[in-house]
Amino acid sequence: MLTTLPGFLTRDRYGEIRLTGHRIGLLHVVDLHNQGLSPVAIHDEYPTLPIDLIAQTIKFYLAHRAEVDDDLSATRAEINRQAAEPSGGPTAAELRRRLGSGRSTAKS
């Protein structure tokens, strides 16, 4: 896991690395870079990111590839774990209660 990040990367409260001042994660930029996109093409996908920031991020990735790949693997595993969890939506009883309260309001 990366313990020291340059100023243009920030670890959020959930542990994901994001480009400082943006909601876009290092994961997104690295994935597009690994798909063969240039910094300009990545900018086309994320126009709020300056091209020089994208280039800096790719340079950092290439200089720390093993550590970044390990960190991103952990991020992907957490995303997959959360996606596999039940959504925790309302129970059938709660839905019936909501439907019942909606009907009484509609009749008024």
PDB file of N, CA and C in Angstrom:
ATOM      1  N   MET A   1       0.848  -1.189   0.000  1.00  0.00           N
ATOM      2  CA  MET A   1       0.000   0.000   0.000  1.00  0.00           C
ATOM      3  C   MET A   1       0.888   1.244   0.000  1.00  0.00           C
ATOM      4  N   LEU A   2       0.497   2.200  -0.783  1.00  0.00           N
ATOM      5  CA  LEU A   2       1.233   3.460  -0.850  1.00  0.00           C
ATOM      6  C   LEU A   2       1.015   4.238   0.436  1.00  0.00           C
ATOM      7  N   THR A   3       2.105   4.622   1.075  1.00  0.00           N
ATOM      8  CA  THR A   3       1.977   5.394   2.318  1.00  0.00           C
ATOM      9  C   THR A   3       2.250   6.873   2.103  1.00  0.00           C
ATOM     10  N   THR A   4       3.072   7.197   1.103  1.00  0.00           N
ATOM     11  CA  THR A   4       3.395   8.589   0.813  1.00  0.00           C
ATOM     12  C   THR A   4       2.901   8.923  -0.588  1.00  0.00           C
ATOM     13  N   LEU A   5       2.105   9.967  -0.657  1.00  0.00           N
ATOM     14  CA  LEU A   5       1.560  10.396  -1.941  1.00  0.00           C
ATOM     15  C   LEU A   5       2.046  11.807  -2.254  1.00  0.00           C
ATOM     16  N   PRO A   6       2.248  12.085  -3.552  1.00  0.00           N
ATOM     17  CA  PRO A   6       2.584  13.456  -3.923  1.00  0.00           C
ATOM     18  C   PRO A   6       1.360  14.356  -3.714  1.00  0.00           C
ATOM     19  N   GLY A   7       1.565  15.645  -3.690  1.00  0.00           N
ATOM     20  CA  GLY A   7       0.495  16.595  -3.427  1.00  0.00           C
ATOM     21  C   GLY A   7      -0.678  16.531  -4.390  1.00  0.00           C
ATOM     22  N   PHE A   8      -0.461  16.000  -5.581  1.00  0.00           N
ATOM     23  CA  PHE A   8      -1.557  15.964  -6.549  1.00  0.00           C
ATOM     24  C   PHE A   8      -2.436  14.719  -6.397  1.00  0.00           C
ATOM     25  N   LEU A   9      -2.112  13.860  -5.408  1.00  0.00           N
ATOM     26  CA  LEU A   9      -2.940  12.693  -5.107  1.00  0.00           C
ATOM     27  C   LEU A   9      -3.299  12.725  -3.625  1.00  0.00           C
ATOM     28  N   THR A  10      -4.534  12.338  -3.327  1.00  0.00           N
ATOM     29  CA  THR A  10      -5.029  12.357  -1.960  1.00  0.00           C
ATOM     30  C   THR A  10      -5.807  11.075  -1.697  1.00  0.00           C
ATOM     31  N   ARG A  11      -5.567  10.484  -0.523  1.00  0.00           N
ATOM     32  CA  ARG A  11      -6.355   9.308  -0.121  1.00  0.00           C
ATOM     33  C   ARG A  11      -7.599   9.816   0.601  1.00  0.00           C
ATOM     34  N   ASP A  12      -8.784   9.390   0.146  1.00  0.00           N
ATOM     35  CA  ASP A  12     -10.017   9.858   0.784  1.00  0.00           C
ATOM     36  C   ASP A  12     -10.290   9.051   2.054  1.00  0.00           C
ATOM     37  N   ARG A  13     -11.352   9.388   2.730  1.00  0.00           N
ATOM     38  CA  ARG A  13     -11.654   8.750   4.016  1.00  0.00           C
ATOM     39  C   ARG A  13     -11.987   7.271   3.884  1.00  0.00           C
ATOM     40  N   TYR A  14     -12.264   6.821   2.667  1.00  0.00           N
ATOM     41  CA  TYR A  14     -12.553   5.407   2.435  1.00  0.00           C
ATOM     42  C   TYR A  14     -11.321   4.638   1.978  1.00  0.00           C
ATOM     43  N   GLY A  15     -10.205   5.346   1.815  1.00  0.00           N
ATOM     44  CA  GLY A  15      -8.958   4.701   1.420  1.00  0.00           C
ATOM     45  C   GLY A  15      -8.649   4.758  -0.061  1.00  0.00           C
ATOM     46  N   GLU A  16      -9.566   5.292  -0.865  1.00  0.00           N
ATOM     47  CA  GLU A  16      -9.327   5.383  -2.304  1.00  0.00           C
ATOM     48  C   GLU A  16      -8.470   6.610  -2.619  1.00  0.00           C
ATOM     49  N   ILE A  17      -7.553   6.431  -3.545  1.00  0.00           N
ATOM     50  CA  ILE A  17      -6.695   7.542  -3.960  1.00  0.00           C
ATOM     51  C   ILE A  17      -7.398   8.307  -5.072  1.00  0.00           C
ATOM     52  N   ARG A  18      -7.513   9.611  -4.882  1.00  0.00           N
ATOM     53  CA  ARG A  18      -8.151  10.494  -5.865  1.00  0.00           C
ATOM     54  C   ARG A  18      -7.168  11.577  -6.273  1.00  0.00           C
ATOM     55  N   LEU A  19      -7.410  12.153  -7.429  1.00  0.00           N
ATOM     56  CA  LEU A  19      -6.624  13.297  -7.855  1.00  0.00           C
ATOM     57  C   LEU A  19      -7.087  14.474  -7.003  1.00  0.00           C
ATOM     58  N   THR A  20      -6.160  15.112  -6.334  1.00  0.00           N
ATOM     59  CA  THR A  20      -6.472  16.166  -5.371  1.00  0.00           C
ATOM     60  C   THR A  20      -7.374  17.235  -5.997  1.00  0.00           C
ATOM     61  N   GLY A  21      -8.470  17.511  -5.295  1.00  0.00           N
ATOM     62  CA  GLY A  21      -9.419  18.513  -5.756  1.00  0.00           C
ATOM     63  C   GLY A  21     -10.447  17.983  -6.743  1.00  0.00           C
ATOM     64  N   HIS A  22     -10.419  16.667  -6.991  1.00  0.00           N
ATOM     65  CA  HIS A  22     -11.342  16.048  -7.955  1.00  0.00           C
ATOM     66  C   HIS A  22     -11.949  14.798  -7.328  1.00  0.00           C
ATOM     67  N   ARG A  23     -13.090  14.388  -7.844  1.00  0.00           N
ATOM     68  CA  ARG A  23     -13.699  13.131  -7.401  1.00  0.00           C
ATOM     69  C   ARG A  23     -13.189  11.954  -8.225  1.00  0.00           C
ATOM     70  N   ILE A  24     -12.370  12.219  -9.196  1.00  0.00           N
ATOM     71  CA  ILE A  24     -11.864  11.180 -10.088  1.00  0.00           C
ATOM     72  C   ILE A  24     -10.705  10.461  -9.413  1.00  0.00           C
ATOM     73  N   GLY A  25     -10.784   9.137  -9.415  1.00  0.00           N
ATOM     74  CA  GLY A  25      -9.783   8.346  -8.729  1.00  0.00           C
ATOM     75  C   GLY A  25      -8.579   8.013  -9.593  1.00  0.00           C
ATOM     76  N   LEU A  26      -7.492   7.703  -8.915  1.00  0.00           N
ATOM     77  CA  LEU A  26      -6.299   7.205  -9.589  1.00  0.00           C
ATOM     78  C   LEU A  26      -6.649   5.967 -10.401  1.00  0.00           C
ATOM     79  N   LEU A  27      -7.531   5.148  -9.873  1.00  0.00           N
ATOM     80  CA  LEU A  27      -7.996   3.948 -10.557  1.00  0.00           C
ATOM     81  C   LEU A  27      -8.506   4.271 -11.959  1.00  0.00           C
ATOM     82  N   HIS A  28      -9.278   5.329 -12.094  1.00  0.00           N
ATOM     83  CA  HIS A  28      -9.869   5.689 -13.388  1.00  0.00           C
ATOM     84  C   HIS A  28      -8.792   6.074 -14.403  1.00  0.00           C
ATOM     85  N   VAL A  29      -7.858   6.899 -13.961  1.00  0.00           N
ATOM     86  CA  VAL A  29      -6.800   7.358 -14.867  1.00  0.00           C
ATOM     87  C   VAL A  29      -5.901   6.193 -15.266  1.00  0.00           C
ATOM     88  N   VAL A  30      -5.529   5.370 -14.289  1.00  0.00           N
ATOM     89  CA  VAL A  30      -4.653   4.225 -14.578  1.00  0.00           C
ATOM     90  C   VAL A  30      -5.345   3.237 -15.521  1.00  0.00           C
ATOM     91  N   ASP A  31      -6.611   2.954 -15.280  1.00  0.00           N
ATOM     92  CA  ASP A  31      -7.323   2.018 -16.151  1.00  0.00           C
ATOM     93  C   ASP A  31      -7.355   2.519 -17.592  1.00  0.00           C
ATOM     94  N   LEU A  32      -7.642   3.808 -17.767  1.00  0.00           N
ATOM     95  CA  LEU A  32      -7.680   4.353 -19.129  1.00  0.00           C
ATOM     96  C   LEU A  32      -6.287   4.356 -19.754  1.00  0.00           C
ATOM     97  N   HIS A  33      -5.274   4.684 -18.965  1.00  0.00           N
ATOM     98  CA  HIS A  33      -3.895   4.637 -19.467  1.00  0.00           C
ATOM     99  C   HIS A  33      -3.542   3.216 -19.906  1.00  0.00           C
ATOM    100  N   ASN A  34      -3.904   2.231 -19.090  1.00  0.00           N
ATOM    101  CA  ASN A  34      -3.600   0.838 -19.416  1.00  0.00           C
ATOM    102  C   ASN A  34      -4.403   0.317 -20.608  1.00  0.00           C
ATOM    103  N   GLN A  35      -5.479   1.009 -20.945  1.00  0.00           N
ATOM    104  CA  GLN A  35      -6.243   0.672 -22.152  1.00  0.00           C
ATOM    105  C   GLN A  35      -5.628   1.322 -23.392  1.00  0.00           C
ATOM    106  N   GLY A  36      -4.564   2.092 -23.174  1.00  0.00           N
ATOM    107  CA  GLY A  36      -3.855   2.704 -24.289  1.00  0.00           C
ATOM    108  C   GLY A  36      -4.223   4.147 -24.577  1.00  0.00           C
ATOM    109  N   LEU A  37      -5.035   4.760 -23.728  1.00  0.00           N
ATOM    110  CA  LEU A  37      -5.411   6.149 -23.967  1.00  0.00           C
ATOM    111  C   LEU A  37      -4.274   7.092 -23.594  1.00  0.00           C
ATOM    112  N   SER A  38      -4.101   8.111 -24.378  1.00  0.00           N
ATOM    113  CA  SER A  38      -3.102   9.150 -24.123  1.00  0.00           C
ATOM    114  C   SER A  38      -3.658  10.126 -23.086  1.00  0.00           C
ATOM    115  N   PRO A  39      -2.807  10.978 -22.517  1.00  0.00           N
ATOM    116  CA  PRO A  39      -3.326  12.010 -21.600  1.00  0.00           C
ATOM    117  C   PRO A  39      -4.416  12.877 -22.244  1.00  0.00           C
ATOM    118  N   VAL A  40      -4.273  13.184 -23.519  1.00  0.00           N
ATOM    119  CA  VAL A  40      -5.292  13.994 -24.207  1.00  0.00           C
ATOM    120  C   VAL A  40      -6.612  13.231 -24.296  1.00  0.00           C
ATOM    121  N   ALA A  41      -6.541  11.939 -24.606  1.00  0.00           N
ATOM    122  CA  ALA A  41      -7.758  11.122 -24.696  1.00  0.00           C
ATOM    123  C   ALA A  41      -8.404  10.957 -23.320  1.00  0.00           C
ATOM    124  N   ILE A  42      -7.594  10.833 -22.273  1.00  0.00           N
ATOM    125  CA  ILE A  42      -8.131  10.752 -20.911  1.00  0.00           C
ATOM    126  C   ILE A  42      -8.799  12.077 -20.551  1.00  0.00           C
ATOM    127  N   HIS A  43      -8.187  13.180 -20.967  1.00  0.00           N
ATOM    128  CA  HIS A  43      -8.793  14.503 -20.753  1.00  0.00           C
ATOM    129  C   HIS A  43     -10.153  14.581 -21.448  1.00  0.00           C
ATOM    130  N   ASP A  44     -10.273  13.974 -22.621  1.00  0.00           N
ATOM    131  CA  ASP A  44     -11.568  13.950 -23.313  1.00  0.00           C
ATOM    132  C   ASP A  44     -12.626  13.219 -22.478  1.00  0.00           C
ATOM    133  N   GLU A  45     -12.200  12.185 -21.748  1.00  0.00           N
ATOM    134  CA  GLU A  45     -13.118  11.442 -20.876  1.00  0.00           C
ATOM    135  C   GLU A  45     -13.449  12.231 -19.607  1.00  0.00           C
ATOM    136  N   TYR A  46     -12.460  12.935 -19.091  1.00  0.00           N
ATOM    137  CA  TYR A  46     -12.594  13.712 -17.857  1.00  0.00           C
ATOM    138  C   TYR A  46     -12.117  15.141 -18.107  1.00  0.00           C
ATOM    139  N   PRO A  47     -12.933  15.947 -18.763  1.00  0.00           N
ATOM    140  CA  PRO A  47     -12.487  17.284 -19.162  1.00  0.00           C
ATOM    141  C   PRO A  47     -12.168  18.235 -18.009  1.00  0.00           C
ATOM    142  N   THR A  48     -12.573  17.904 -16.797  1.00  0.00           N
ATOM    143  CA  THR A  48     -12.224  18.769 -15.664  1.00  0.00           C
ATOM    144  C   THR A  48     -10.784  18.549 -15.202  1.00  0.00           C
ATOM    145  N   LEU A  49     -10.143  17.493 -15.670  1.00  0.00           N
ATOM    146  CA  LEU A  49      -8.747  17.225 -15.302  1.00  0.00           C
ATOM    147  C   LEU A  49      -7.811  17.922 -16.280  1.00  0.00           C
ATOM    148  N   PRO A  50      -6.923  18.739 -15.789  1.00  0.00           N
ATOM    149  CA  PRO A  50      -5.920  19.337 -16.684  1.00  0.00           C
ATOM    150  C   PRO A  50      -5.008  18.246 -17.254  1.00  0.00           C
ATOM    151  N   ILE A  51      -4.621  18.408 -18.492  1.00  0.00           N
ATOM    152  CA  ILE A  51      -3.772  17.421 -19.156  1.00  0.00           C
ATOM    153  C   ILE A  51      -2.460  17.241 -18.409  1.00  0.00           C
ATOM    154  N   ASP A  52      -1.888  18.321 -17.874  1.00  0.00           N
ATOM    155  CA  ASP A  52      -0.621  18.170 -17.145  1.00  0.00           C
ATOM    156  C   ASP A  52      -0.804  17.363 -15.864  1.00  0.00           C
ATOM    157  N   LEU A  53      -1.962  17.445 -15.222  1.00  0.00           N
ATOM    158  CA  LEU A  53      -2.242  16.632 -14.037  1.00  0.00           C
ATOM    159  C   LEU A  53      -2.357  15.155 -14.425  1.00  0.00           C
ATOM    160  N   ILE A  54      -2.998  14.900 -15.536  1.00  0.00           N
ATOM    161  CA  ILE A  54      -3.111  13.523 -16.039  1.00  0.00           C
ATOM    162  C   ILE A  54      -1.719  12.970 -16.333  1.00  0.00           C
ATOM    163  N   ALA A  55      -0.885  13.759 -16.990  1.00  0.00           N
ATOM    164  CA  ALA A  55       0.473  13.327 -17.321  1.00  0.00           C
ATOM    165  C   ALA A  55       1.284  13.069 -16.048  1.00  0.00           C
ATOM    166  N   GLN A  56       1.163  13.947 -15.048  1.00  0.00           N
ATOM    167  CA  GLN A  56       1.851  13.756 -13.761  1.00  0.00           C
ATOM    168  C   GLN A  56       1.405  12.455 -13.100  1.00  0.00           C
ATOM    169  N   THR A  57       0.114  12.198 -13.158  1.00  0.00           N
ATOM    170  CA  THR A  57      -0.448  11.007 -12.539  1.00  0.00           C
ATOM    171  C   THR A  57       0.082   9.748 -13.218  1.00  0.00           C
ATOM    172  N   ILE A  58       0.140   9.763 -14.539  1.00  0.00           N
ATOM    173  CA  ILE A  58       0.667   8.612 -15.272  1.00  0.00           C
ATOM    174  C   ILE A  58       2.153   8.429 -14.970  1.00  0.00           C
ATOM    175  N   LYS A  59       2.888   9.516 -14.907  1.00  0.00           N
ATOM    176  CA  LYS A  59       4.313   9.447 -14.576  1.00  0.00           C
ATOM    177  C   LYS A  59       4.507   8.834 -13.190  1.00  0.00           C
ATOM    178  N   PHE A  60       3.709   9.254 -12.227  1.00  0.00           N
ATOM    179  CA  PHE A  60       3.770   8.682 -10.883  1.00  0.00           C
ATOM    180  C   PHE A  60       3.453   7.194 -10.931  1.00  0.00           C
ATOM    181  N   TYR A  61       2.410   6.834 -11.657  1.00  0.00           N
ATOM    182  CA  TYR A  61       2.033   5.427 -11.782  1.00  0.00           C
ATOM    183  C   TYR A  61       3.186   4.604 -12.341  1.00  0.00           C
ATOM    184  N   LEU A  62       3.784   5.066 -13.411  1.00  0.00           N
ATOM    185  CA  LEU A  62       4.868   4.306 -14.038  1.00  0.00           C
ATOM    186  C   LEU A  62       6.083   4.185 -13.116  1.00  0.00           C
ATOM    187  N   ALA A  63       6.345   5.198 -12.306  1.00  0.00           N
ATOM    188  CA  ALA A  63       7.480   5.166 -11.381  1.00  0.00           C
ATOM    189  C   ALA A  63       7.212   4.278 -10.162  1.00  0.00           C
ATOM    190  N   HIS A  64       5.941   4.026  -9.844  1.00  0.00           N
ATOM    191  CA  HIS A  64       5.561   3.257  -8.653  1.00  0.00           C
ATOM    192  C   HIS A  64       4.561   2.157  -9.015  1.00  0.00           C
ATOM    193  N   ARG A  65       4.742   1.590 -10.176  1.00  0.00           N
ATOM    194  CA  ARG A  65       3.746   0.679 -10.740  1.00  0.00           C
ATOM    195  C   ARG A  65       3.350  -0.460  -9.793  1.00  0.00           C
ATOM    196  N   ALA A  66       4.316  -1.140  -9.202  1.00  0.00           N
ATOM    197  CA  ALA A  66       3.987  -2.290  -8.342  1.00  0.00           C
ATOM    198  C   ALA A  66       3.136  -1.865  -7.151  1.00  0.00           C
ATOM    199  N   GLU A  67       3.538  -0.783  -6.472  1.00  0.00           N
ATOM    200  CA  GLU A  67       2.783  -0.321  -5.309  1.00  0.00           C
ATOM    201  C   GLU A  67       1.393   0.176  -5.697  1.00  0.00           C
ATOM    202  N   VAL A  68       1.318   0.921  -6.795  1.00  0.00           N
ATOM    203  CA  VAL A  68       0.021   1.436  -7.247  1.00  0.00           C
ATOM    204  C   VAL A  68      -0.883   0.278  -7.639  1.00  0.00           C
ATOM    205  N   ASP A  69      -0.342  -0.698  -8.383  1.00  0.00           N
ATOM    206  CA  ASP A  69      -1.161  -1.847  -8.786  1.00  0.00           C
ATOM    207  C   ASP A  69      -1.687  -2.608  -7.567  1.00  0.00           C
ATOM    208  N   ASP A  70      -0.844  -2.769  -6.531  1.00  0.00           N
ATOM    209  CA  ASP A  70      -1.297  -3.425  -5.299  1.00  0.00           C
ATOM    210  C   ASP A  70      -2.418  -2.626  -4.638  1.00  0.00           C
ATOM    211  N   ASP A  71      -2.237  -1.319  -4.554  1.00  0.00           N
ATOM    212  CA  ASP A  71      -3.239  -0.456  -3.941  1.00  0.00           C
ATOM    213  C   ASP A  71      -4.546  -0.506  -4.727  1.00  0.00           C
ATOM    214  N   LEU A  72      -4.446  -0.448  -6.053  1.00  0.00           N
ATOM    215  CA  LEU A  72      -5.654  -0.468  -6.881  1.00  0.00           C
ATOM    216  C   LEU A  72      -6.339  -1.822  -6.839  1.00  0.00           C
ATOM    217  N   SER A  73      -5.569  -2.896  -6.676  1.00  0.00           N
ATOM    218  CA  SER A  73      -6.173  -4.231  -6.516  1.00  0.00           C
ATOM    219  C   SER A  73      -7.021  -4.268  -5.254  1.00  0.00           C
ATOM    220  N   ALA A  74      -6.516  -3.685  -4.185  1.00  0.00           N
ATOM    221  CA  ALA A  74      -7.275  -3.626  -2.936  1.00  0.00           C
ATOM    222  C   ALA A  74      -8.537  -2.782  -3.111  1.00  0.00           C
ATOM    223  N   THR A  75      -8.424  -1.683  -3.846  1.00  0.00           N
ATOM    224  CA  THR A  75      -9.595  -0.830  -4.116  1.00  0.00           C
ATOM    225  C   THR A  75     -10.637  -1.599  -4.917  1.00  0.00           C
ATOM    226  N   ARG A  76     -10.205  -2.307  -5.959  1.00  0.00           N
ATOM    227  CA  ARG A  76     -11.138  -3.098  -6.773  1.00  0.00           C
ATOM    228  C   ARG A  76     -11.803  -4.196  -5.939  1.00  0.00           C
ATOM    229  N   ALA A  77     -11.037  -4.850  -5.080  1.00  0.00           N
ATOM    230  CA  ALA A  77     -11.600  -5.903  -4.230  1.00  0.00           C
ATOM    231  C   ALA A  77     -12.676  -5.338  -3.318  1.00  0.00           C
ATOM    232  N   GLU A  78     -12.442  -4.156  -2.767  1.00  0.00           N
ATOM    233  CA  GLU A  78     -13.437  -3.524  -1.900  1.00  0.00           C
ATOM    234  C   GLU A  78     -14.678  -3.128  -2.694  1.00  0.00           C
ATOM    235  N   ILE A  79     -14.491  -2.614  -3.893  1.00  0.00           N
ATOM    236  CA  ILE A  79     -15.636  -2.263  -4.756  1.00  0.00           C
ATOM    237  C   ILE A  79     -16.456  -3.514  -5.050  1.00  0.00           C
ATOM    238  N   ASN A  80     -15.792  -4.609  -5.394  1.00  0.00           N
ATOM    239  CA  ASN A  80     -16.487  -5.869  -5.691  1.00  0.00           C
ATOM    240  C   ASN A  80     -17.198  -6.416  -4.452  1.00  0.00           C
ATOM    241  N   ARG A  81     -16.564  -6.303  -3.276  1.00  0.00           N
ATOM    242  CA  ARG A  81     -17.181  -6.769  -2.037  1.00  0.00           C
ATOM    243  C   ARG A  81     -18.464  -5.993  -1.755  1.00  0.00           C
ATOM    244  N   GLN A  82     -18.392  -4.677  -1.908  1.00  0.00           N
ATOM    245  CA  GLN A  82     -19.569  -3.857  -1.648  1.00  0.00           C
ATOM    246  C   GLN A  82     -20.673  -4.124  -2.661  1.00  0.00           C
ATOM    247  N   ALA A  83     -20.297  -4.354  -3.909  1.00  0.00           N
ATOM    248  CA  ALA A  83     -21.293  -4.626  -4.947  1.00  0.00           C
ATOM    249  C   ALA A  83     -22.007  -5.955  -4.701  1.00  0.00           C
ATOM    250  N   ALA A  84     -21.332  -6.906  -4.057  1.00  0.00           N
ATOM    251  CA  ALA A  84     -21.920  -8.217  -3.791  1.00  0.00           C
ATOM    252  C   ALA A  84     -22.837  -8.224  -2.573  1.00  0.00           C
ATOM    253  N   GLU A  85     -22.751  -7.193  -1.742  1.00  0.00           N
ATOM    254  CA  GLU A  85     -23.586  -7.122  -0.542  1.00  0.00           C
ATOM    255  C   GLU A  85     -25.026  -6.788  -0.926  1.00  0.00           C
ATOM    256  N   PRO A  86     -25.965  -7.281  -0.116  1.00  0.00           N
ATOM    257  CA  PRO A  86     -27.359  -6.887  -0.349  1.00  0.00           C
ATOM    258  C   PRO A  86     -27.496  -5.374  -0.236  1.00  0.00           C
ATOM    259  N   SER A  87     -28.428  -4.831  -0.964  1.00  0.00           N
ATOM    260  CA  SER A  87     -28.579  -3.378  -1.009  1.00  0.00           C
ATOM    261  C   SER A  87     -29.132  -2.789   0.280  1.00  0.00           C
ATOM    262  N   GLY A  88     -29.793  -3.594   1.096  1.00  0.00           N
ATOM    263  CA  GLY A  88     -30.333  -3.066   2.347  1.00  0.00           C
ATOM    264  C   GLY A  88     -31.538  -2.171   2.135  1.00  0.00           C
ATOM    265  N   GLY A  89     -32.284  -2.443   1.093  1.00  0.00           N
ATOM    266  CA  GLY A  89     -33.476  -1.658   0.814  1.00  0.00           C
ATOM    267  C   GLY A  89     -34.577  -1.935   1.826  1.00  0.00           C
ATOM    268  N   PRO A  90     -35.721  -1.315   1.646  1.00  0.00           N
ATOM    269  CA  PRO A  90     -36.812  -1.487   2.601  1.00  0.00           C
ATOM    270  C   PRO A  90     -37.352  -2.922   2.594  1.00  0.00           C
ATOM    271  N   THR A  91     -37.858  -3.356   3.733  1.00  0.00           N
ATOM    272  CA  THR A  91     -38.472  -4.688   3.844  1.00  0.00           C
ATOM    273  C   THR A  91     -39.846  -4.660   3.185  1.00  0.00           C
ATOM    274  N   ALA A  92     -40.413  -5.846   3.013  1.00  0.00           N
ATOM    275  CA  ALA A  92     -41.760  -5.936   2.439  1.00  0.00           C
ATOM    276  C   ALA A  92     -42.762  -5.214   3.333  1.00  0.00           C
ATOM    277  N   ALA A  93     -42.601  -5.347   4.648  1.00  0.00           N
ATOM    278  CA  ALA A  93     -43.513  -4.671   5.586  1.00  0.00           C
ATOM    279  C   ALA A  93     -43.415  -3.152   5.431  1.00  0.00           C
ATOM    280  N   GLU A  94     -42.184  -2.644   5.259  1.00  0.00           N
ATOM    281  CA  GLU A  94     -41.998  -1.208   5.087  1.00  0.00           C
ATOM    282  C   GLU A  94     -42.638  -0.737   3.787  1.00  0.00           C
ATOM    283  N   LEU A  95     -42.512  -1.524   2.734  1.00  0.00           N
ATOM    284  CA  LEU A  95     -43.128  -1.148   1.456  1.00  0.00           C
ATOM    285  C   LEU A  95     -44.652  -1.119   1.580  1.00  0.00           C
ATOM    286  N   ARG A  96     -45.220  -2.127   2.267  1.00  0.00           N
ATOM    287  CA  ARG A  96     -46.681  -2.130   2.474  1.00  0.00           C
ATOM    288  C   ARG A  96     -47.113  -0.900   3.270  1.00  0.00           C
ATOM    289  N   ARG A  97     -46.331  -0.555   4.305  1.00  0.00           N
ATOM    290  CA  ARG A  97     -46.660   0.621   5.112  1.00  0.00           C
ATOM    291  C   ARG A  97     -46.637   1.878   4.247  1.00  0.00           C
ATOM    292  N   ARG A  98     -45.621   1.986   3.402  1.00  0.00           N
ATOM    293  CA  ARG A  98     -45.519   3.164   2.531  1.00  0.00           C
ATOM    294  C   ARG A  98     -46.672   3.223   1.548  1.00  0.00           C
ATOM    295  N   LEU A  99     -47.016   2.070   0.970  1.00  0.00           N
ATOM    296  CA  LEU A  99     -48.134   2.037   0.038  1.00  0.00           C
ATOM    297  C   LEU A  99     -49.433   2.406   0.739  1.00  0.00           C
ATOM    298  N   GLY A 100     -49.609   1.890   1.933  1.00  0.00           N
ATOM    299  CA  GLY A 100     -50.818   2.189   2.709  1.00  0.00           C
ATOM    300  C   GLY A 100     -50.931   3.659   3.037  1.00  0.00           C
ATOM    301  N   SER A 101     -49.833   4.278   3.413  1.00  0.00           N
ATOM    302  CA  SER A 101     -49.895   5.700   3.759  1.00  0.00           C
ATOM    303  C   SER A 101     -50.095   6.549   2.502  1.00  0.00           C
ATOM    304  N   GLY A 102     -49.658   6.085   1.385  1.00  0.00           N
ATOM    305  CA  GLY A 102     -49.861   6.819   0.129  1.00  0.00           C
ATOM    306  C   GLY A 102     -51.300   6.779  -0.318  1.00  0.00           C
ATOM    307  N   ARG A 103     -51.946   5.637  -0.073  1.00  0.00           N
ATOM    308  CA  ARG A 103     -53.367   5.499  -0.459  1.00  0.00           C
ATOM    309  C   ARG A 103     -54.259   6.389   0.385  1.00  0.00           C
ATOM    310  N   SER A 104     -53.986   6.446   1.677  1.00  0.00           N
ATOM    311  CA  SER A 104     -54.841   7.265   2.528  1.00  0.00           C
ATOM    312  C   SER A 104     -54.683   8.738   2.191  1.00  0.00           C
ATOM    313  N   THR A 105     -53.492   9.140   1.780  1.00  0.00           N
ATOM    314  CA  THR A 105     -53.257  10.523   1.411  1.00  0.00           C
ATOM    315  C   THR A 105     -53.967  10.846   0.091  1.00  0.00           C
ATOM    316  N   ALA A 106     -53.958   9.880  -0.826  1.00  0.00           N
ATOM    317  CA  ALA A 106     -54.559  10.111  -2.135  1.00  0.00           C
ATOM    318  C   ALA A 106     -56.073  10.242  -2.031  1.00  0.00           C
ATOM    319  N   LYS A 107     -56.710   9.567  -1.059  1.00  0.00           N
ATOM    320  CA  LYS A 107     -58.158   9.612  -0.913  1.00  0.00           C
ATOM    321  C   LYS A 107     -58.622  10.907  -0.276  1.00  0.00           C
ATOM    322  N   SER A 108     -57.770  11.599   0.433  1.00  0.00           N
ATOM    323  CA  SER A 108     -58.165  12.814   1.153  1.00  0.00           C
ATOM    324  C   SER A 108     -58.533  13.923   0.238  1.00  0.00           C
TER     325      SER A 108
END
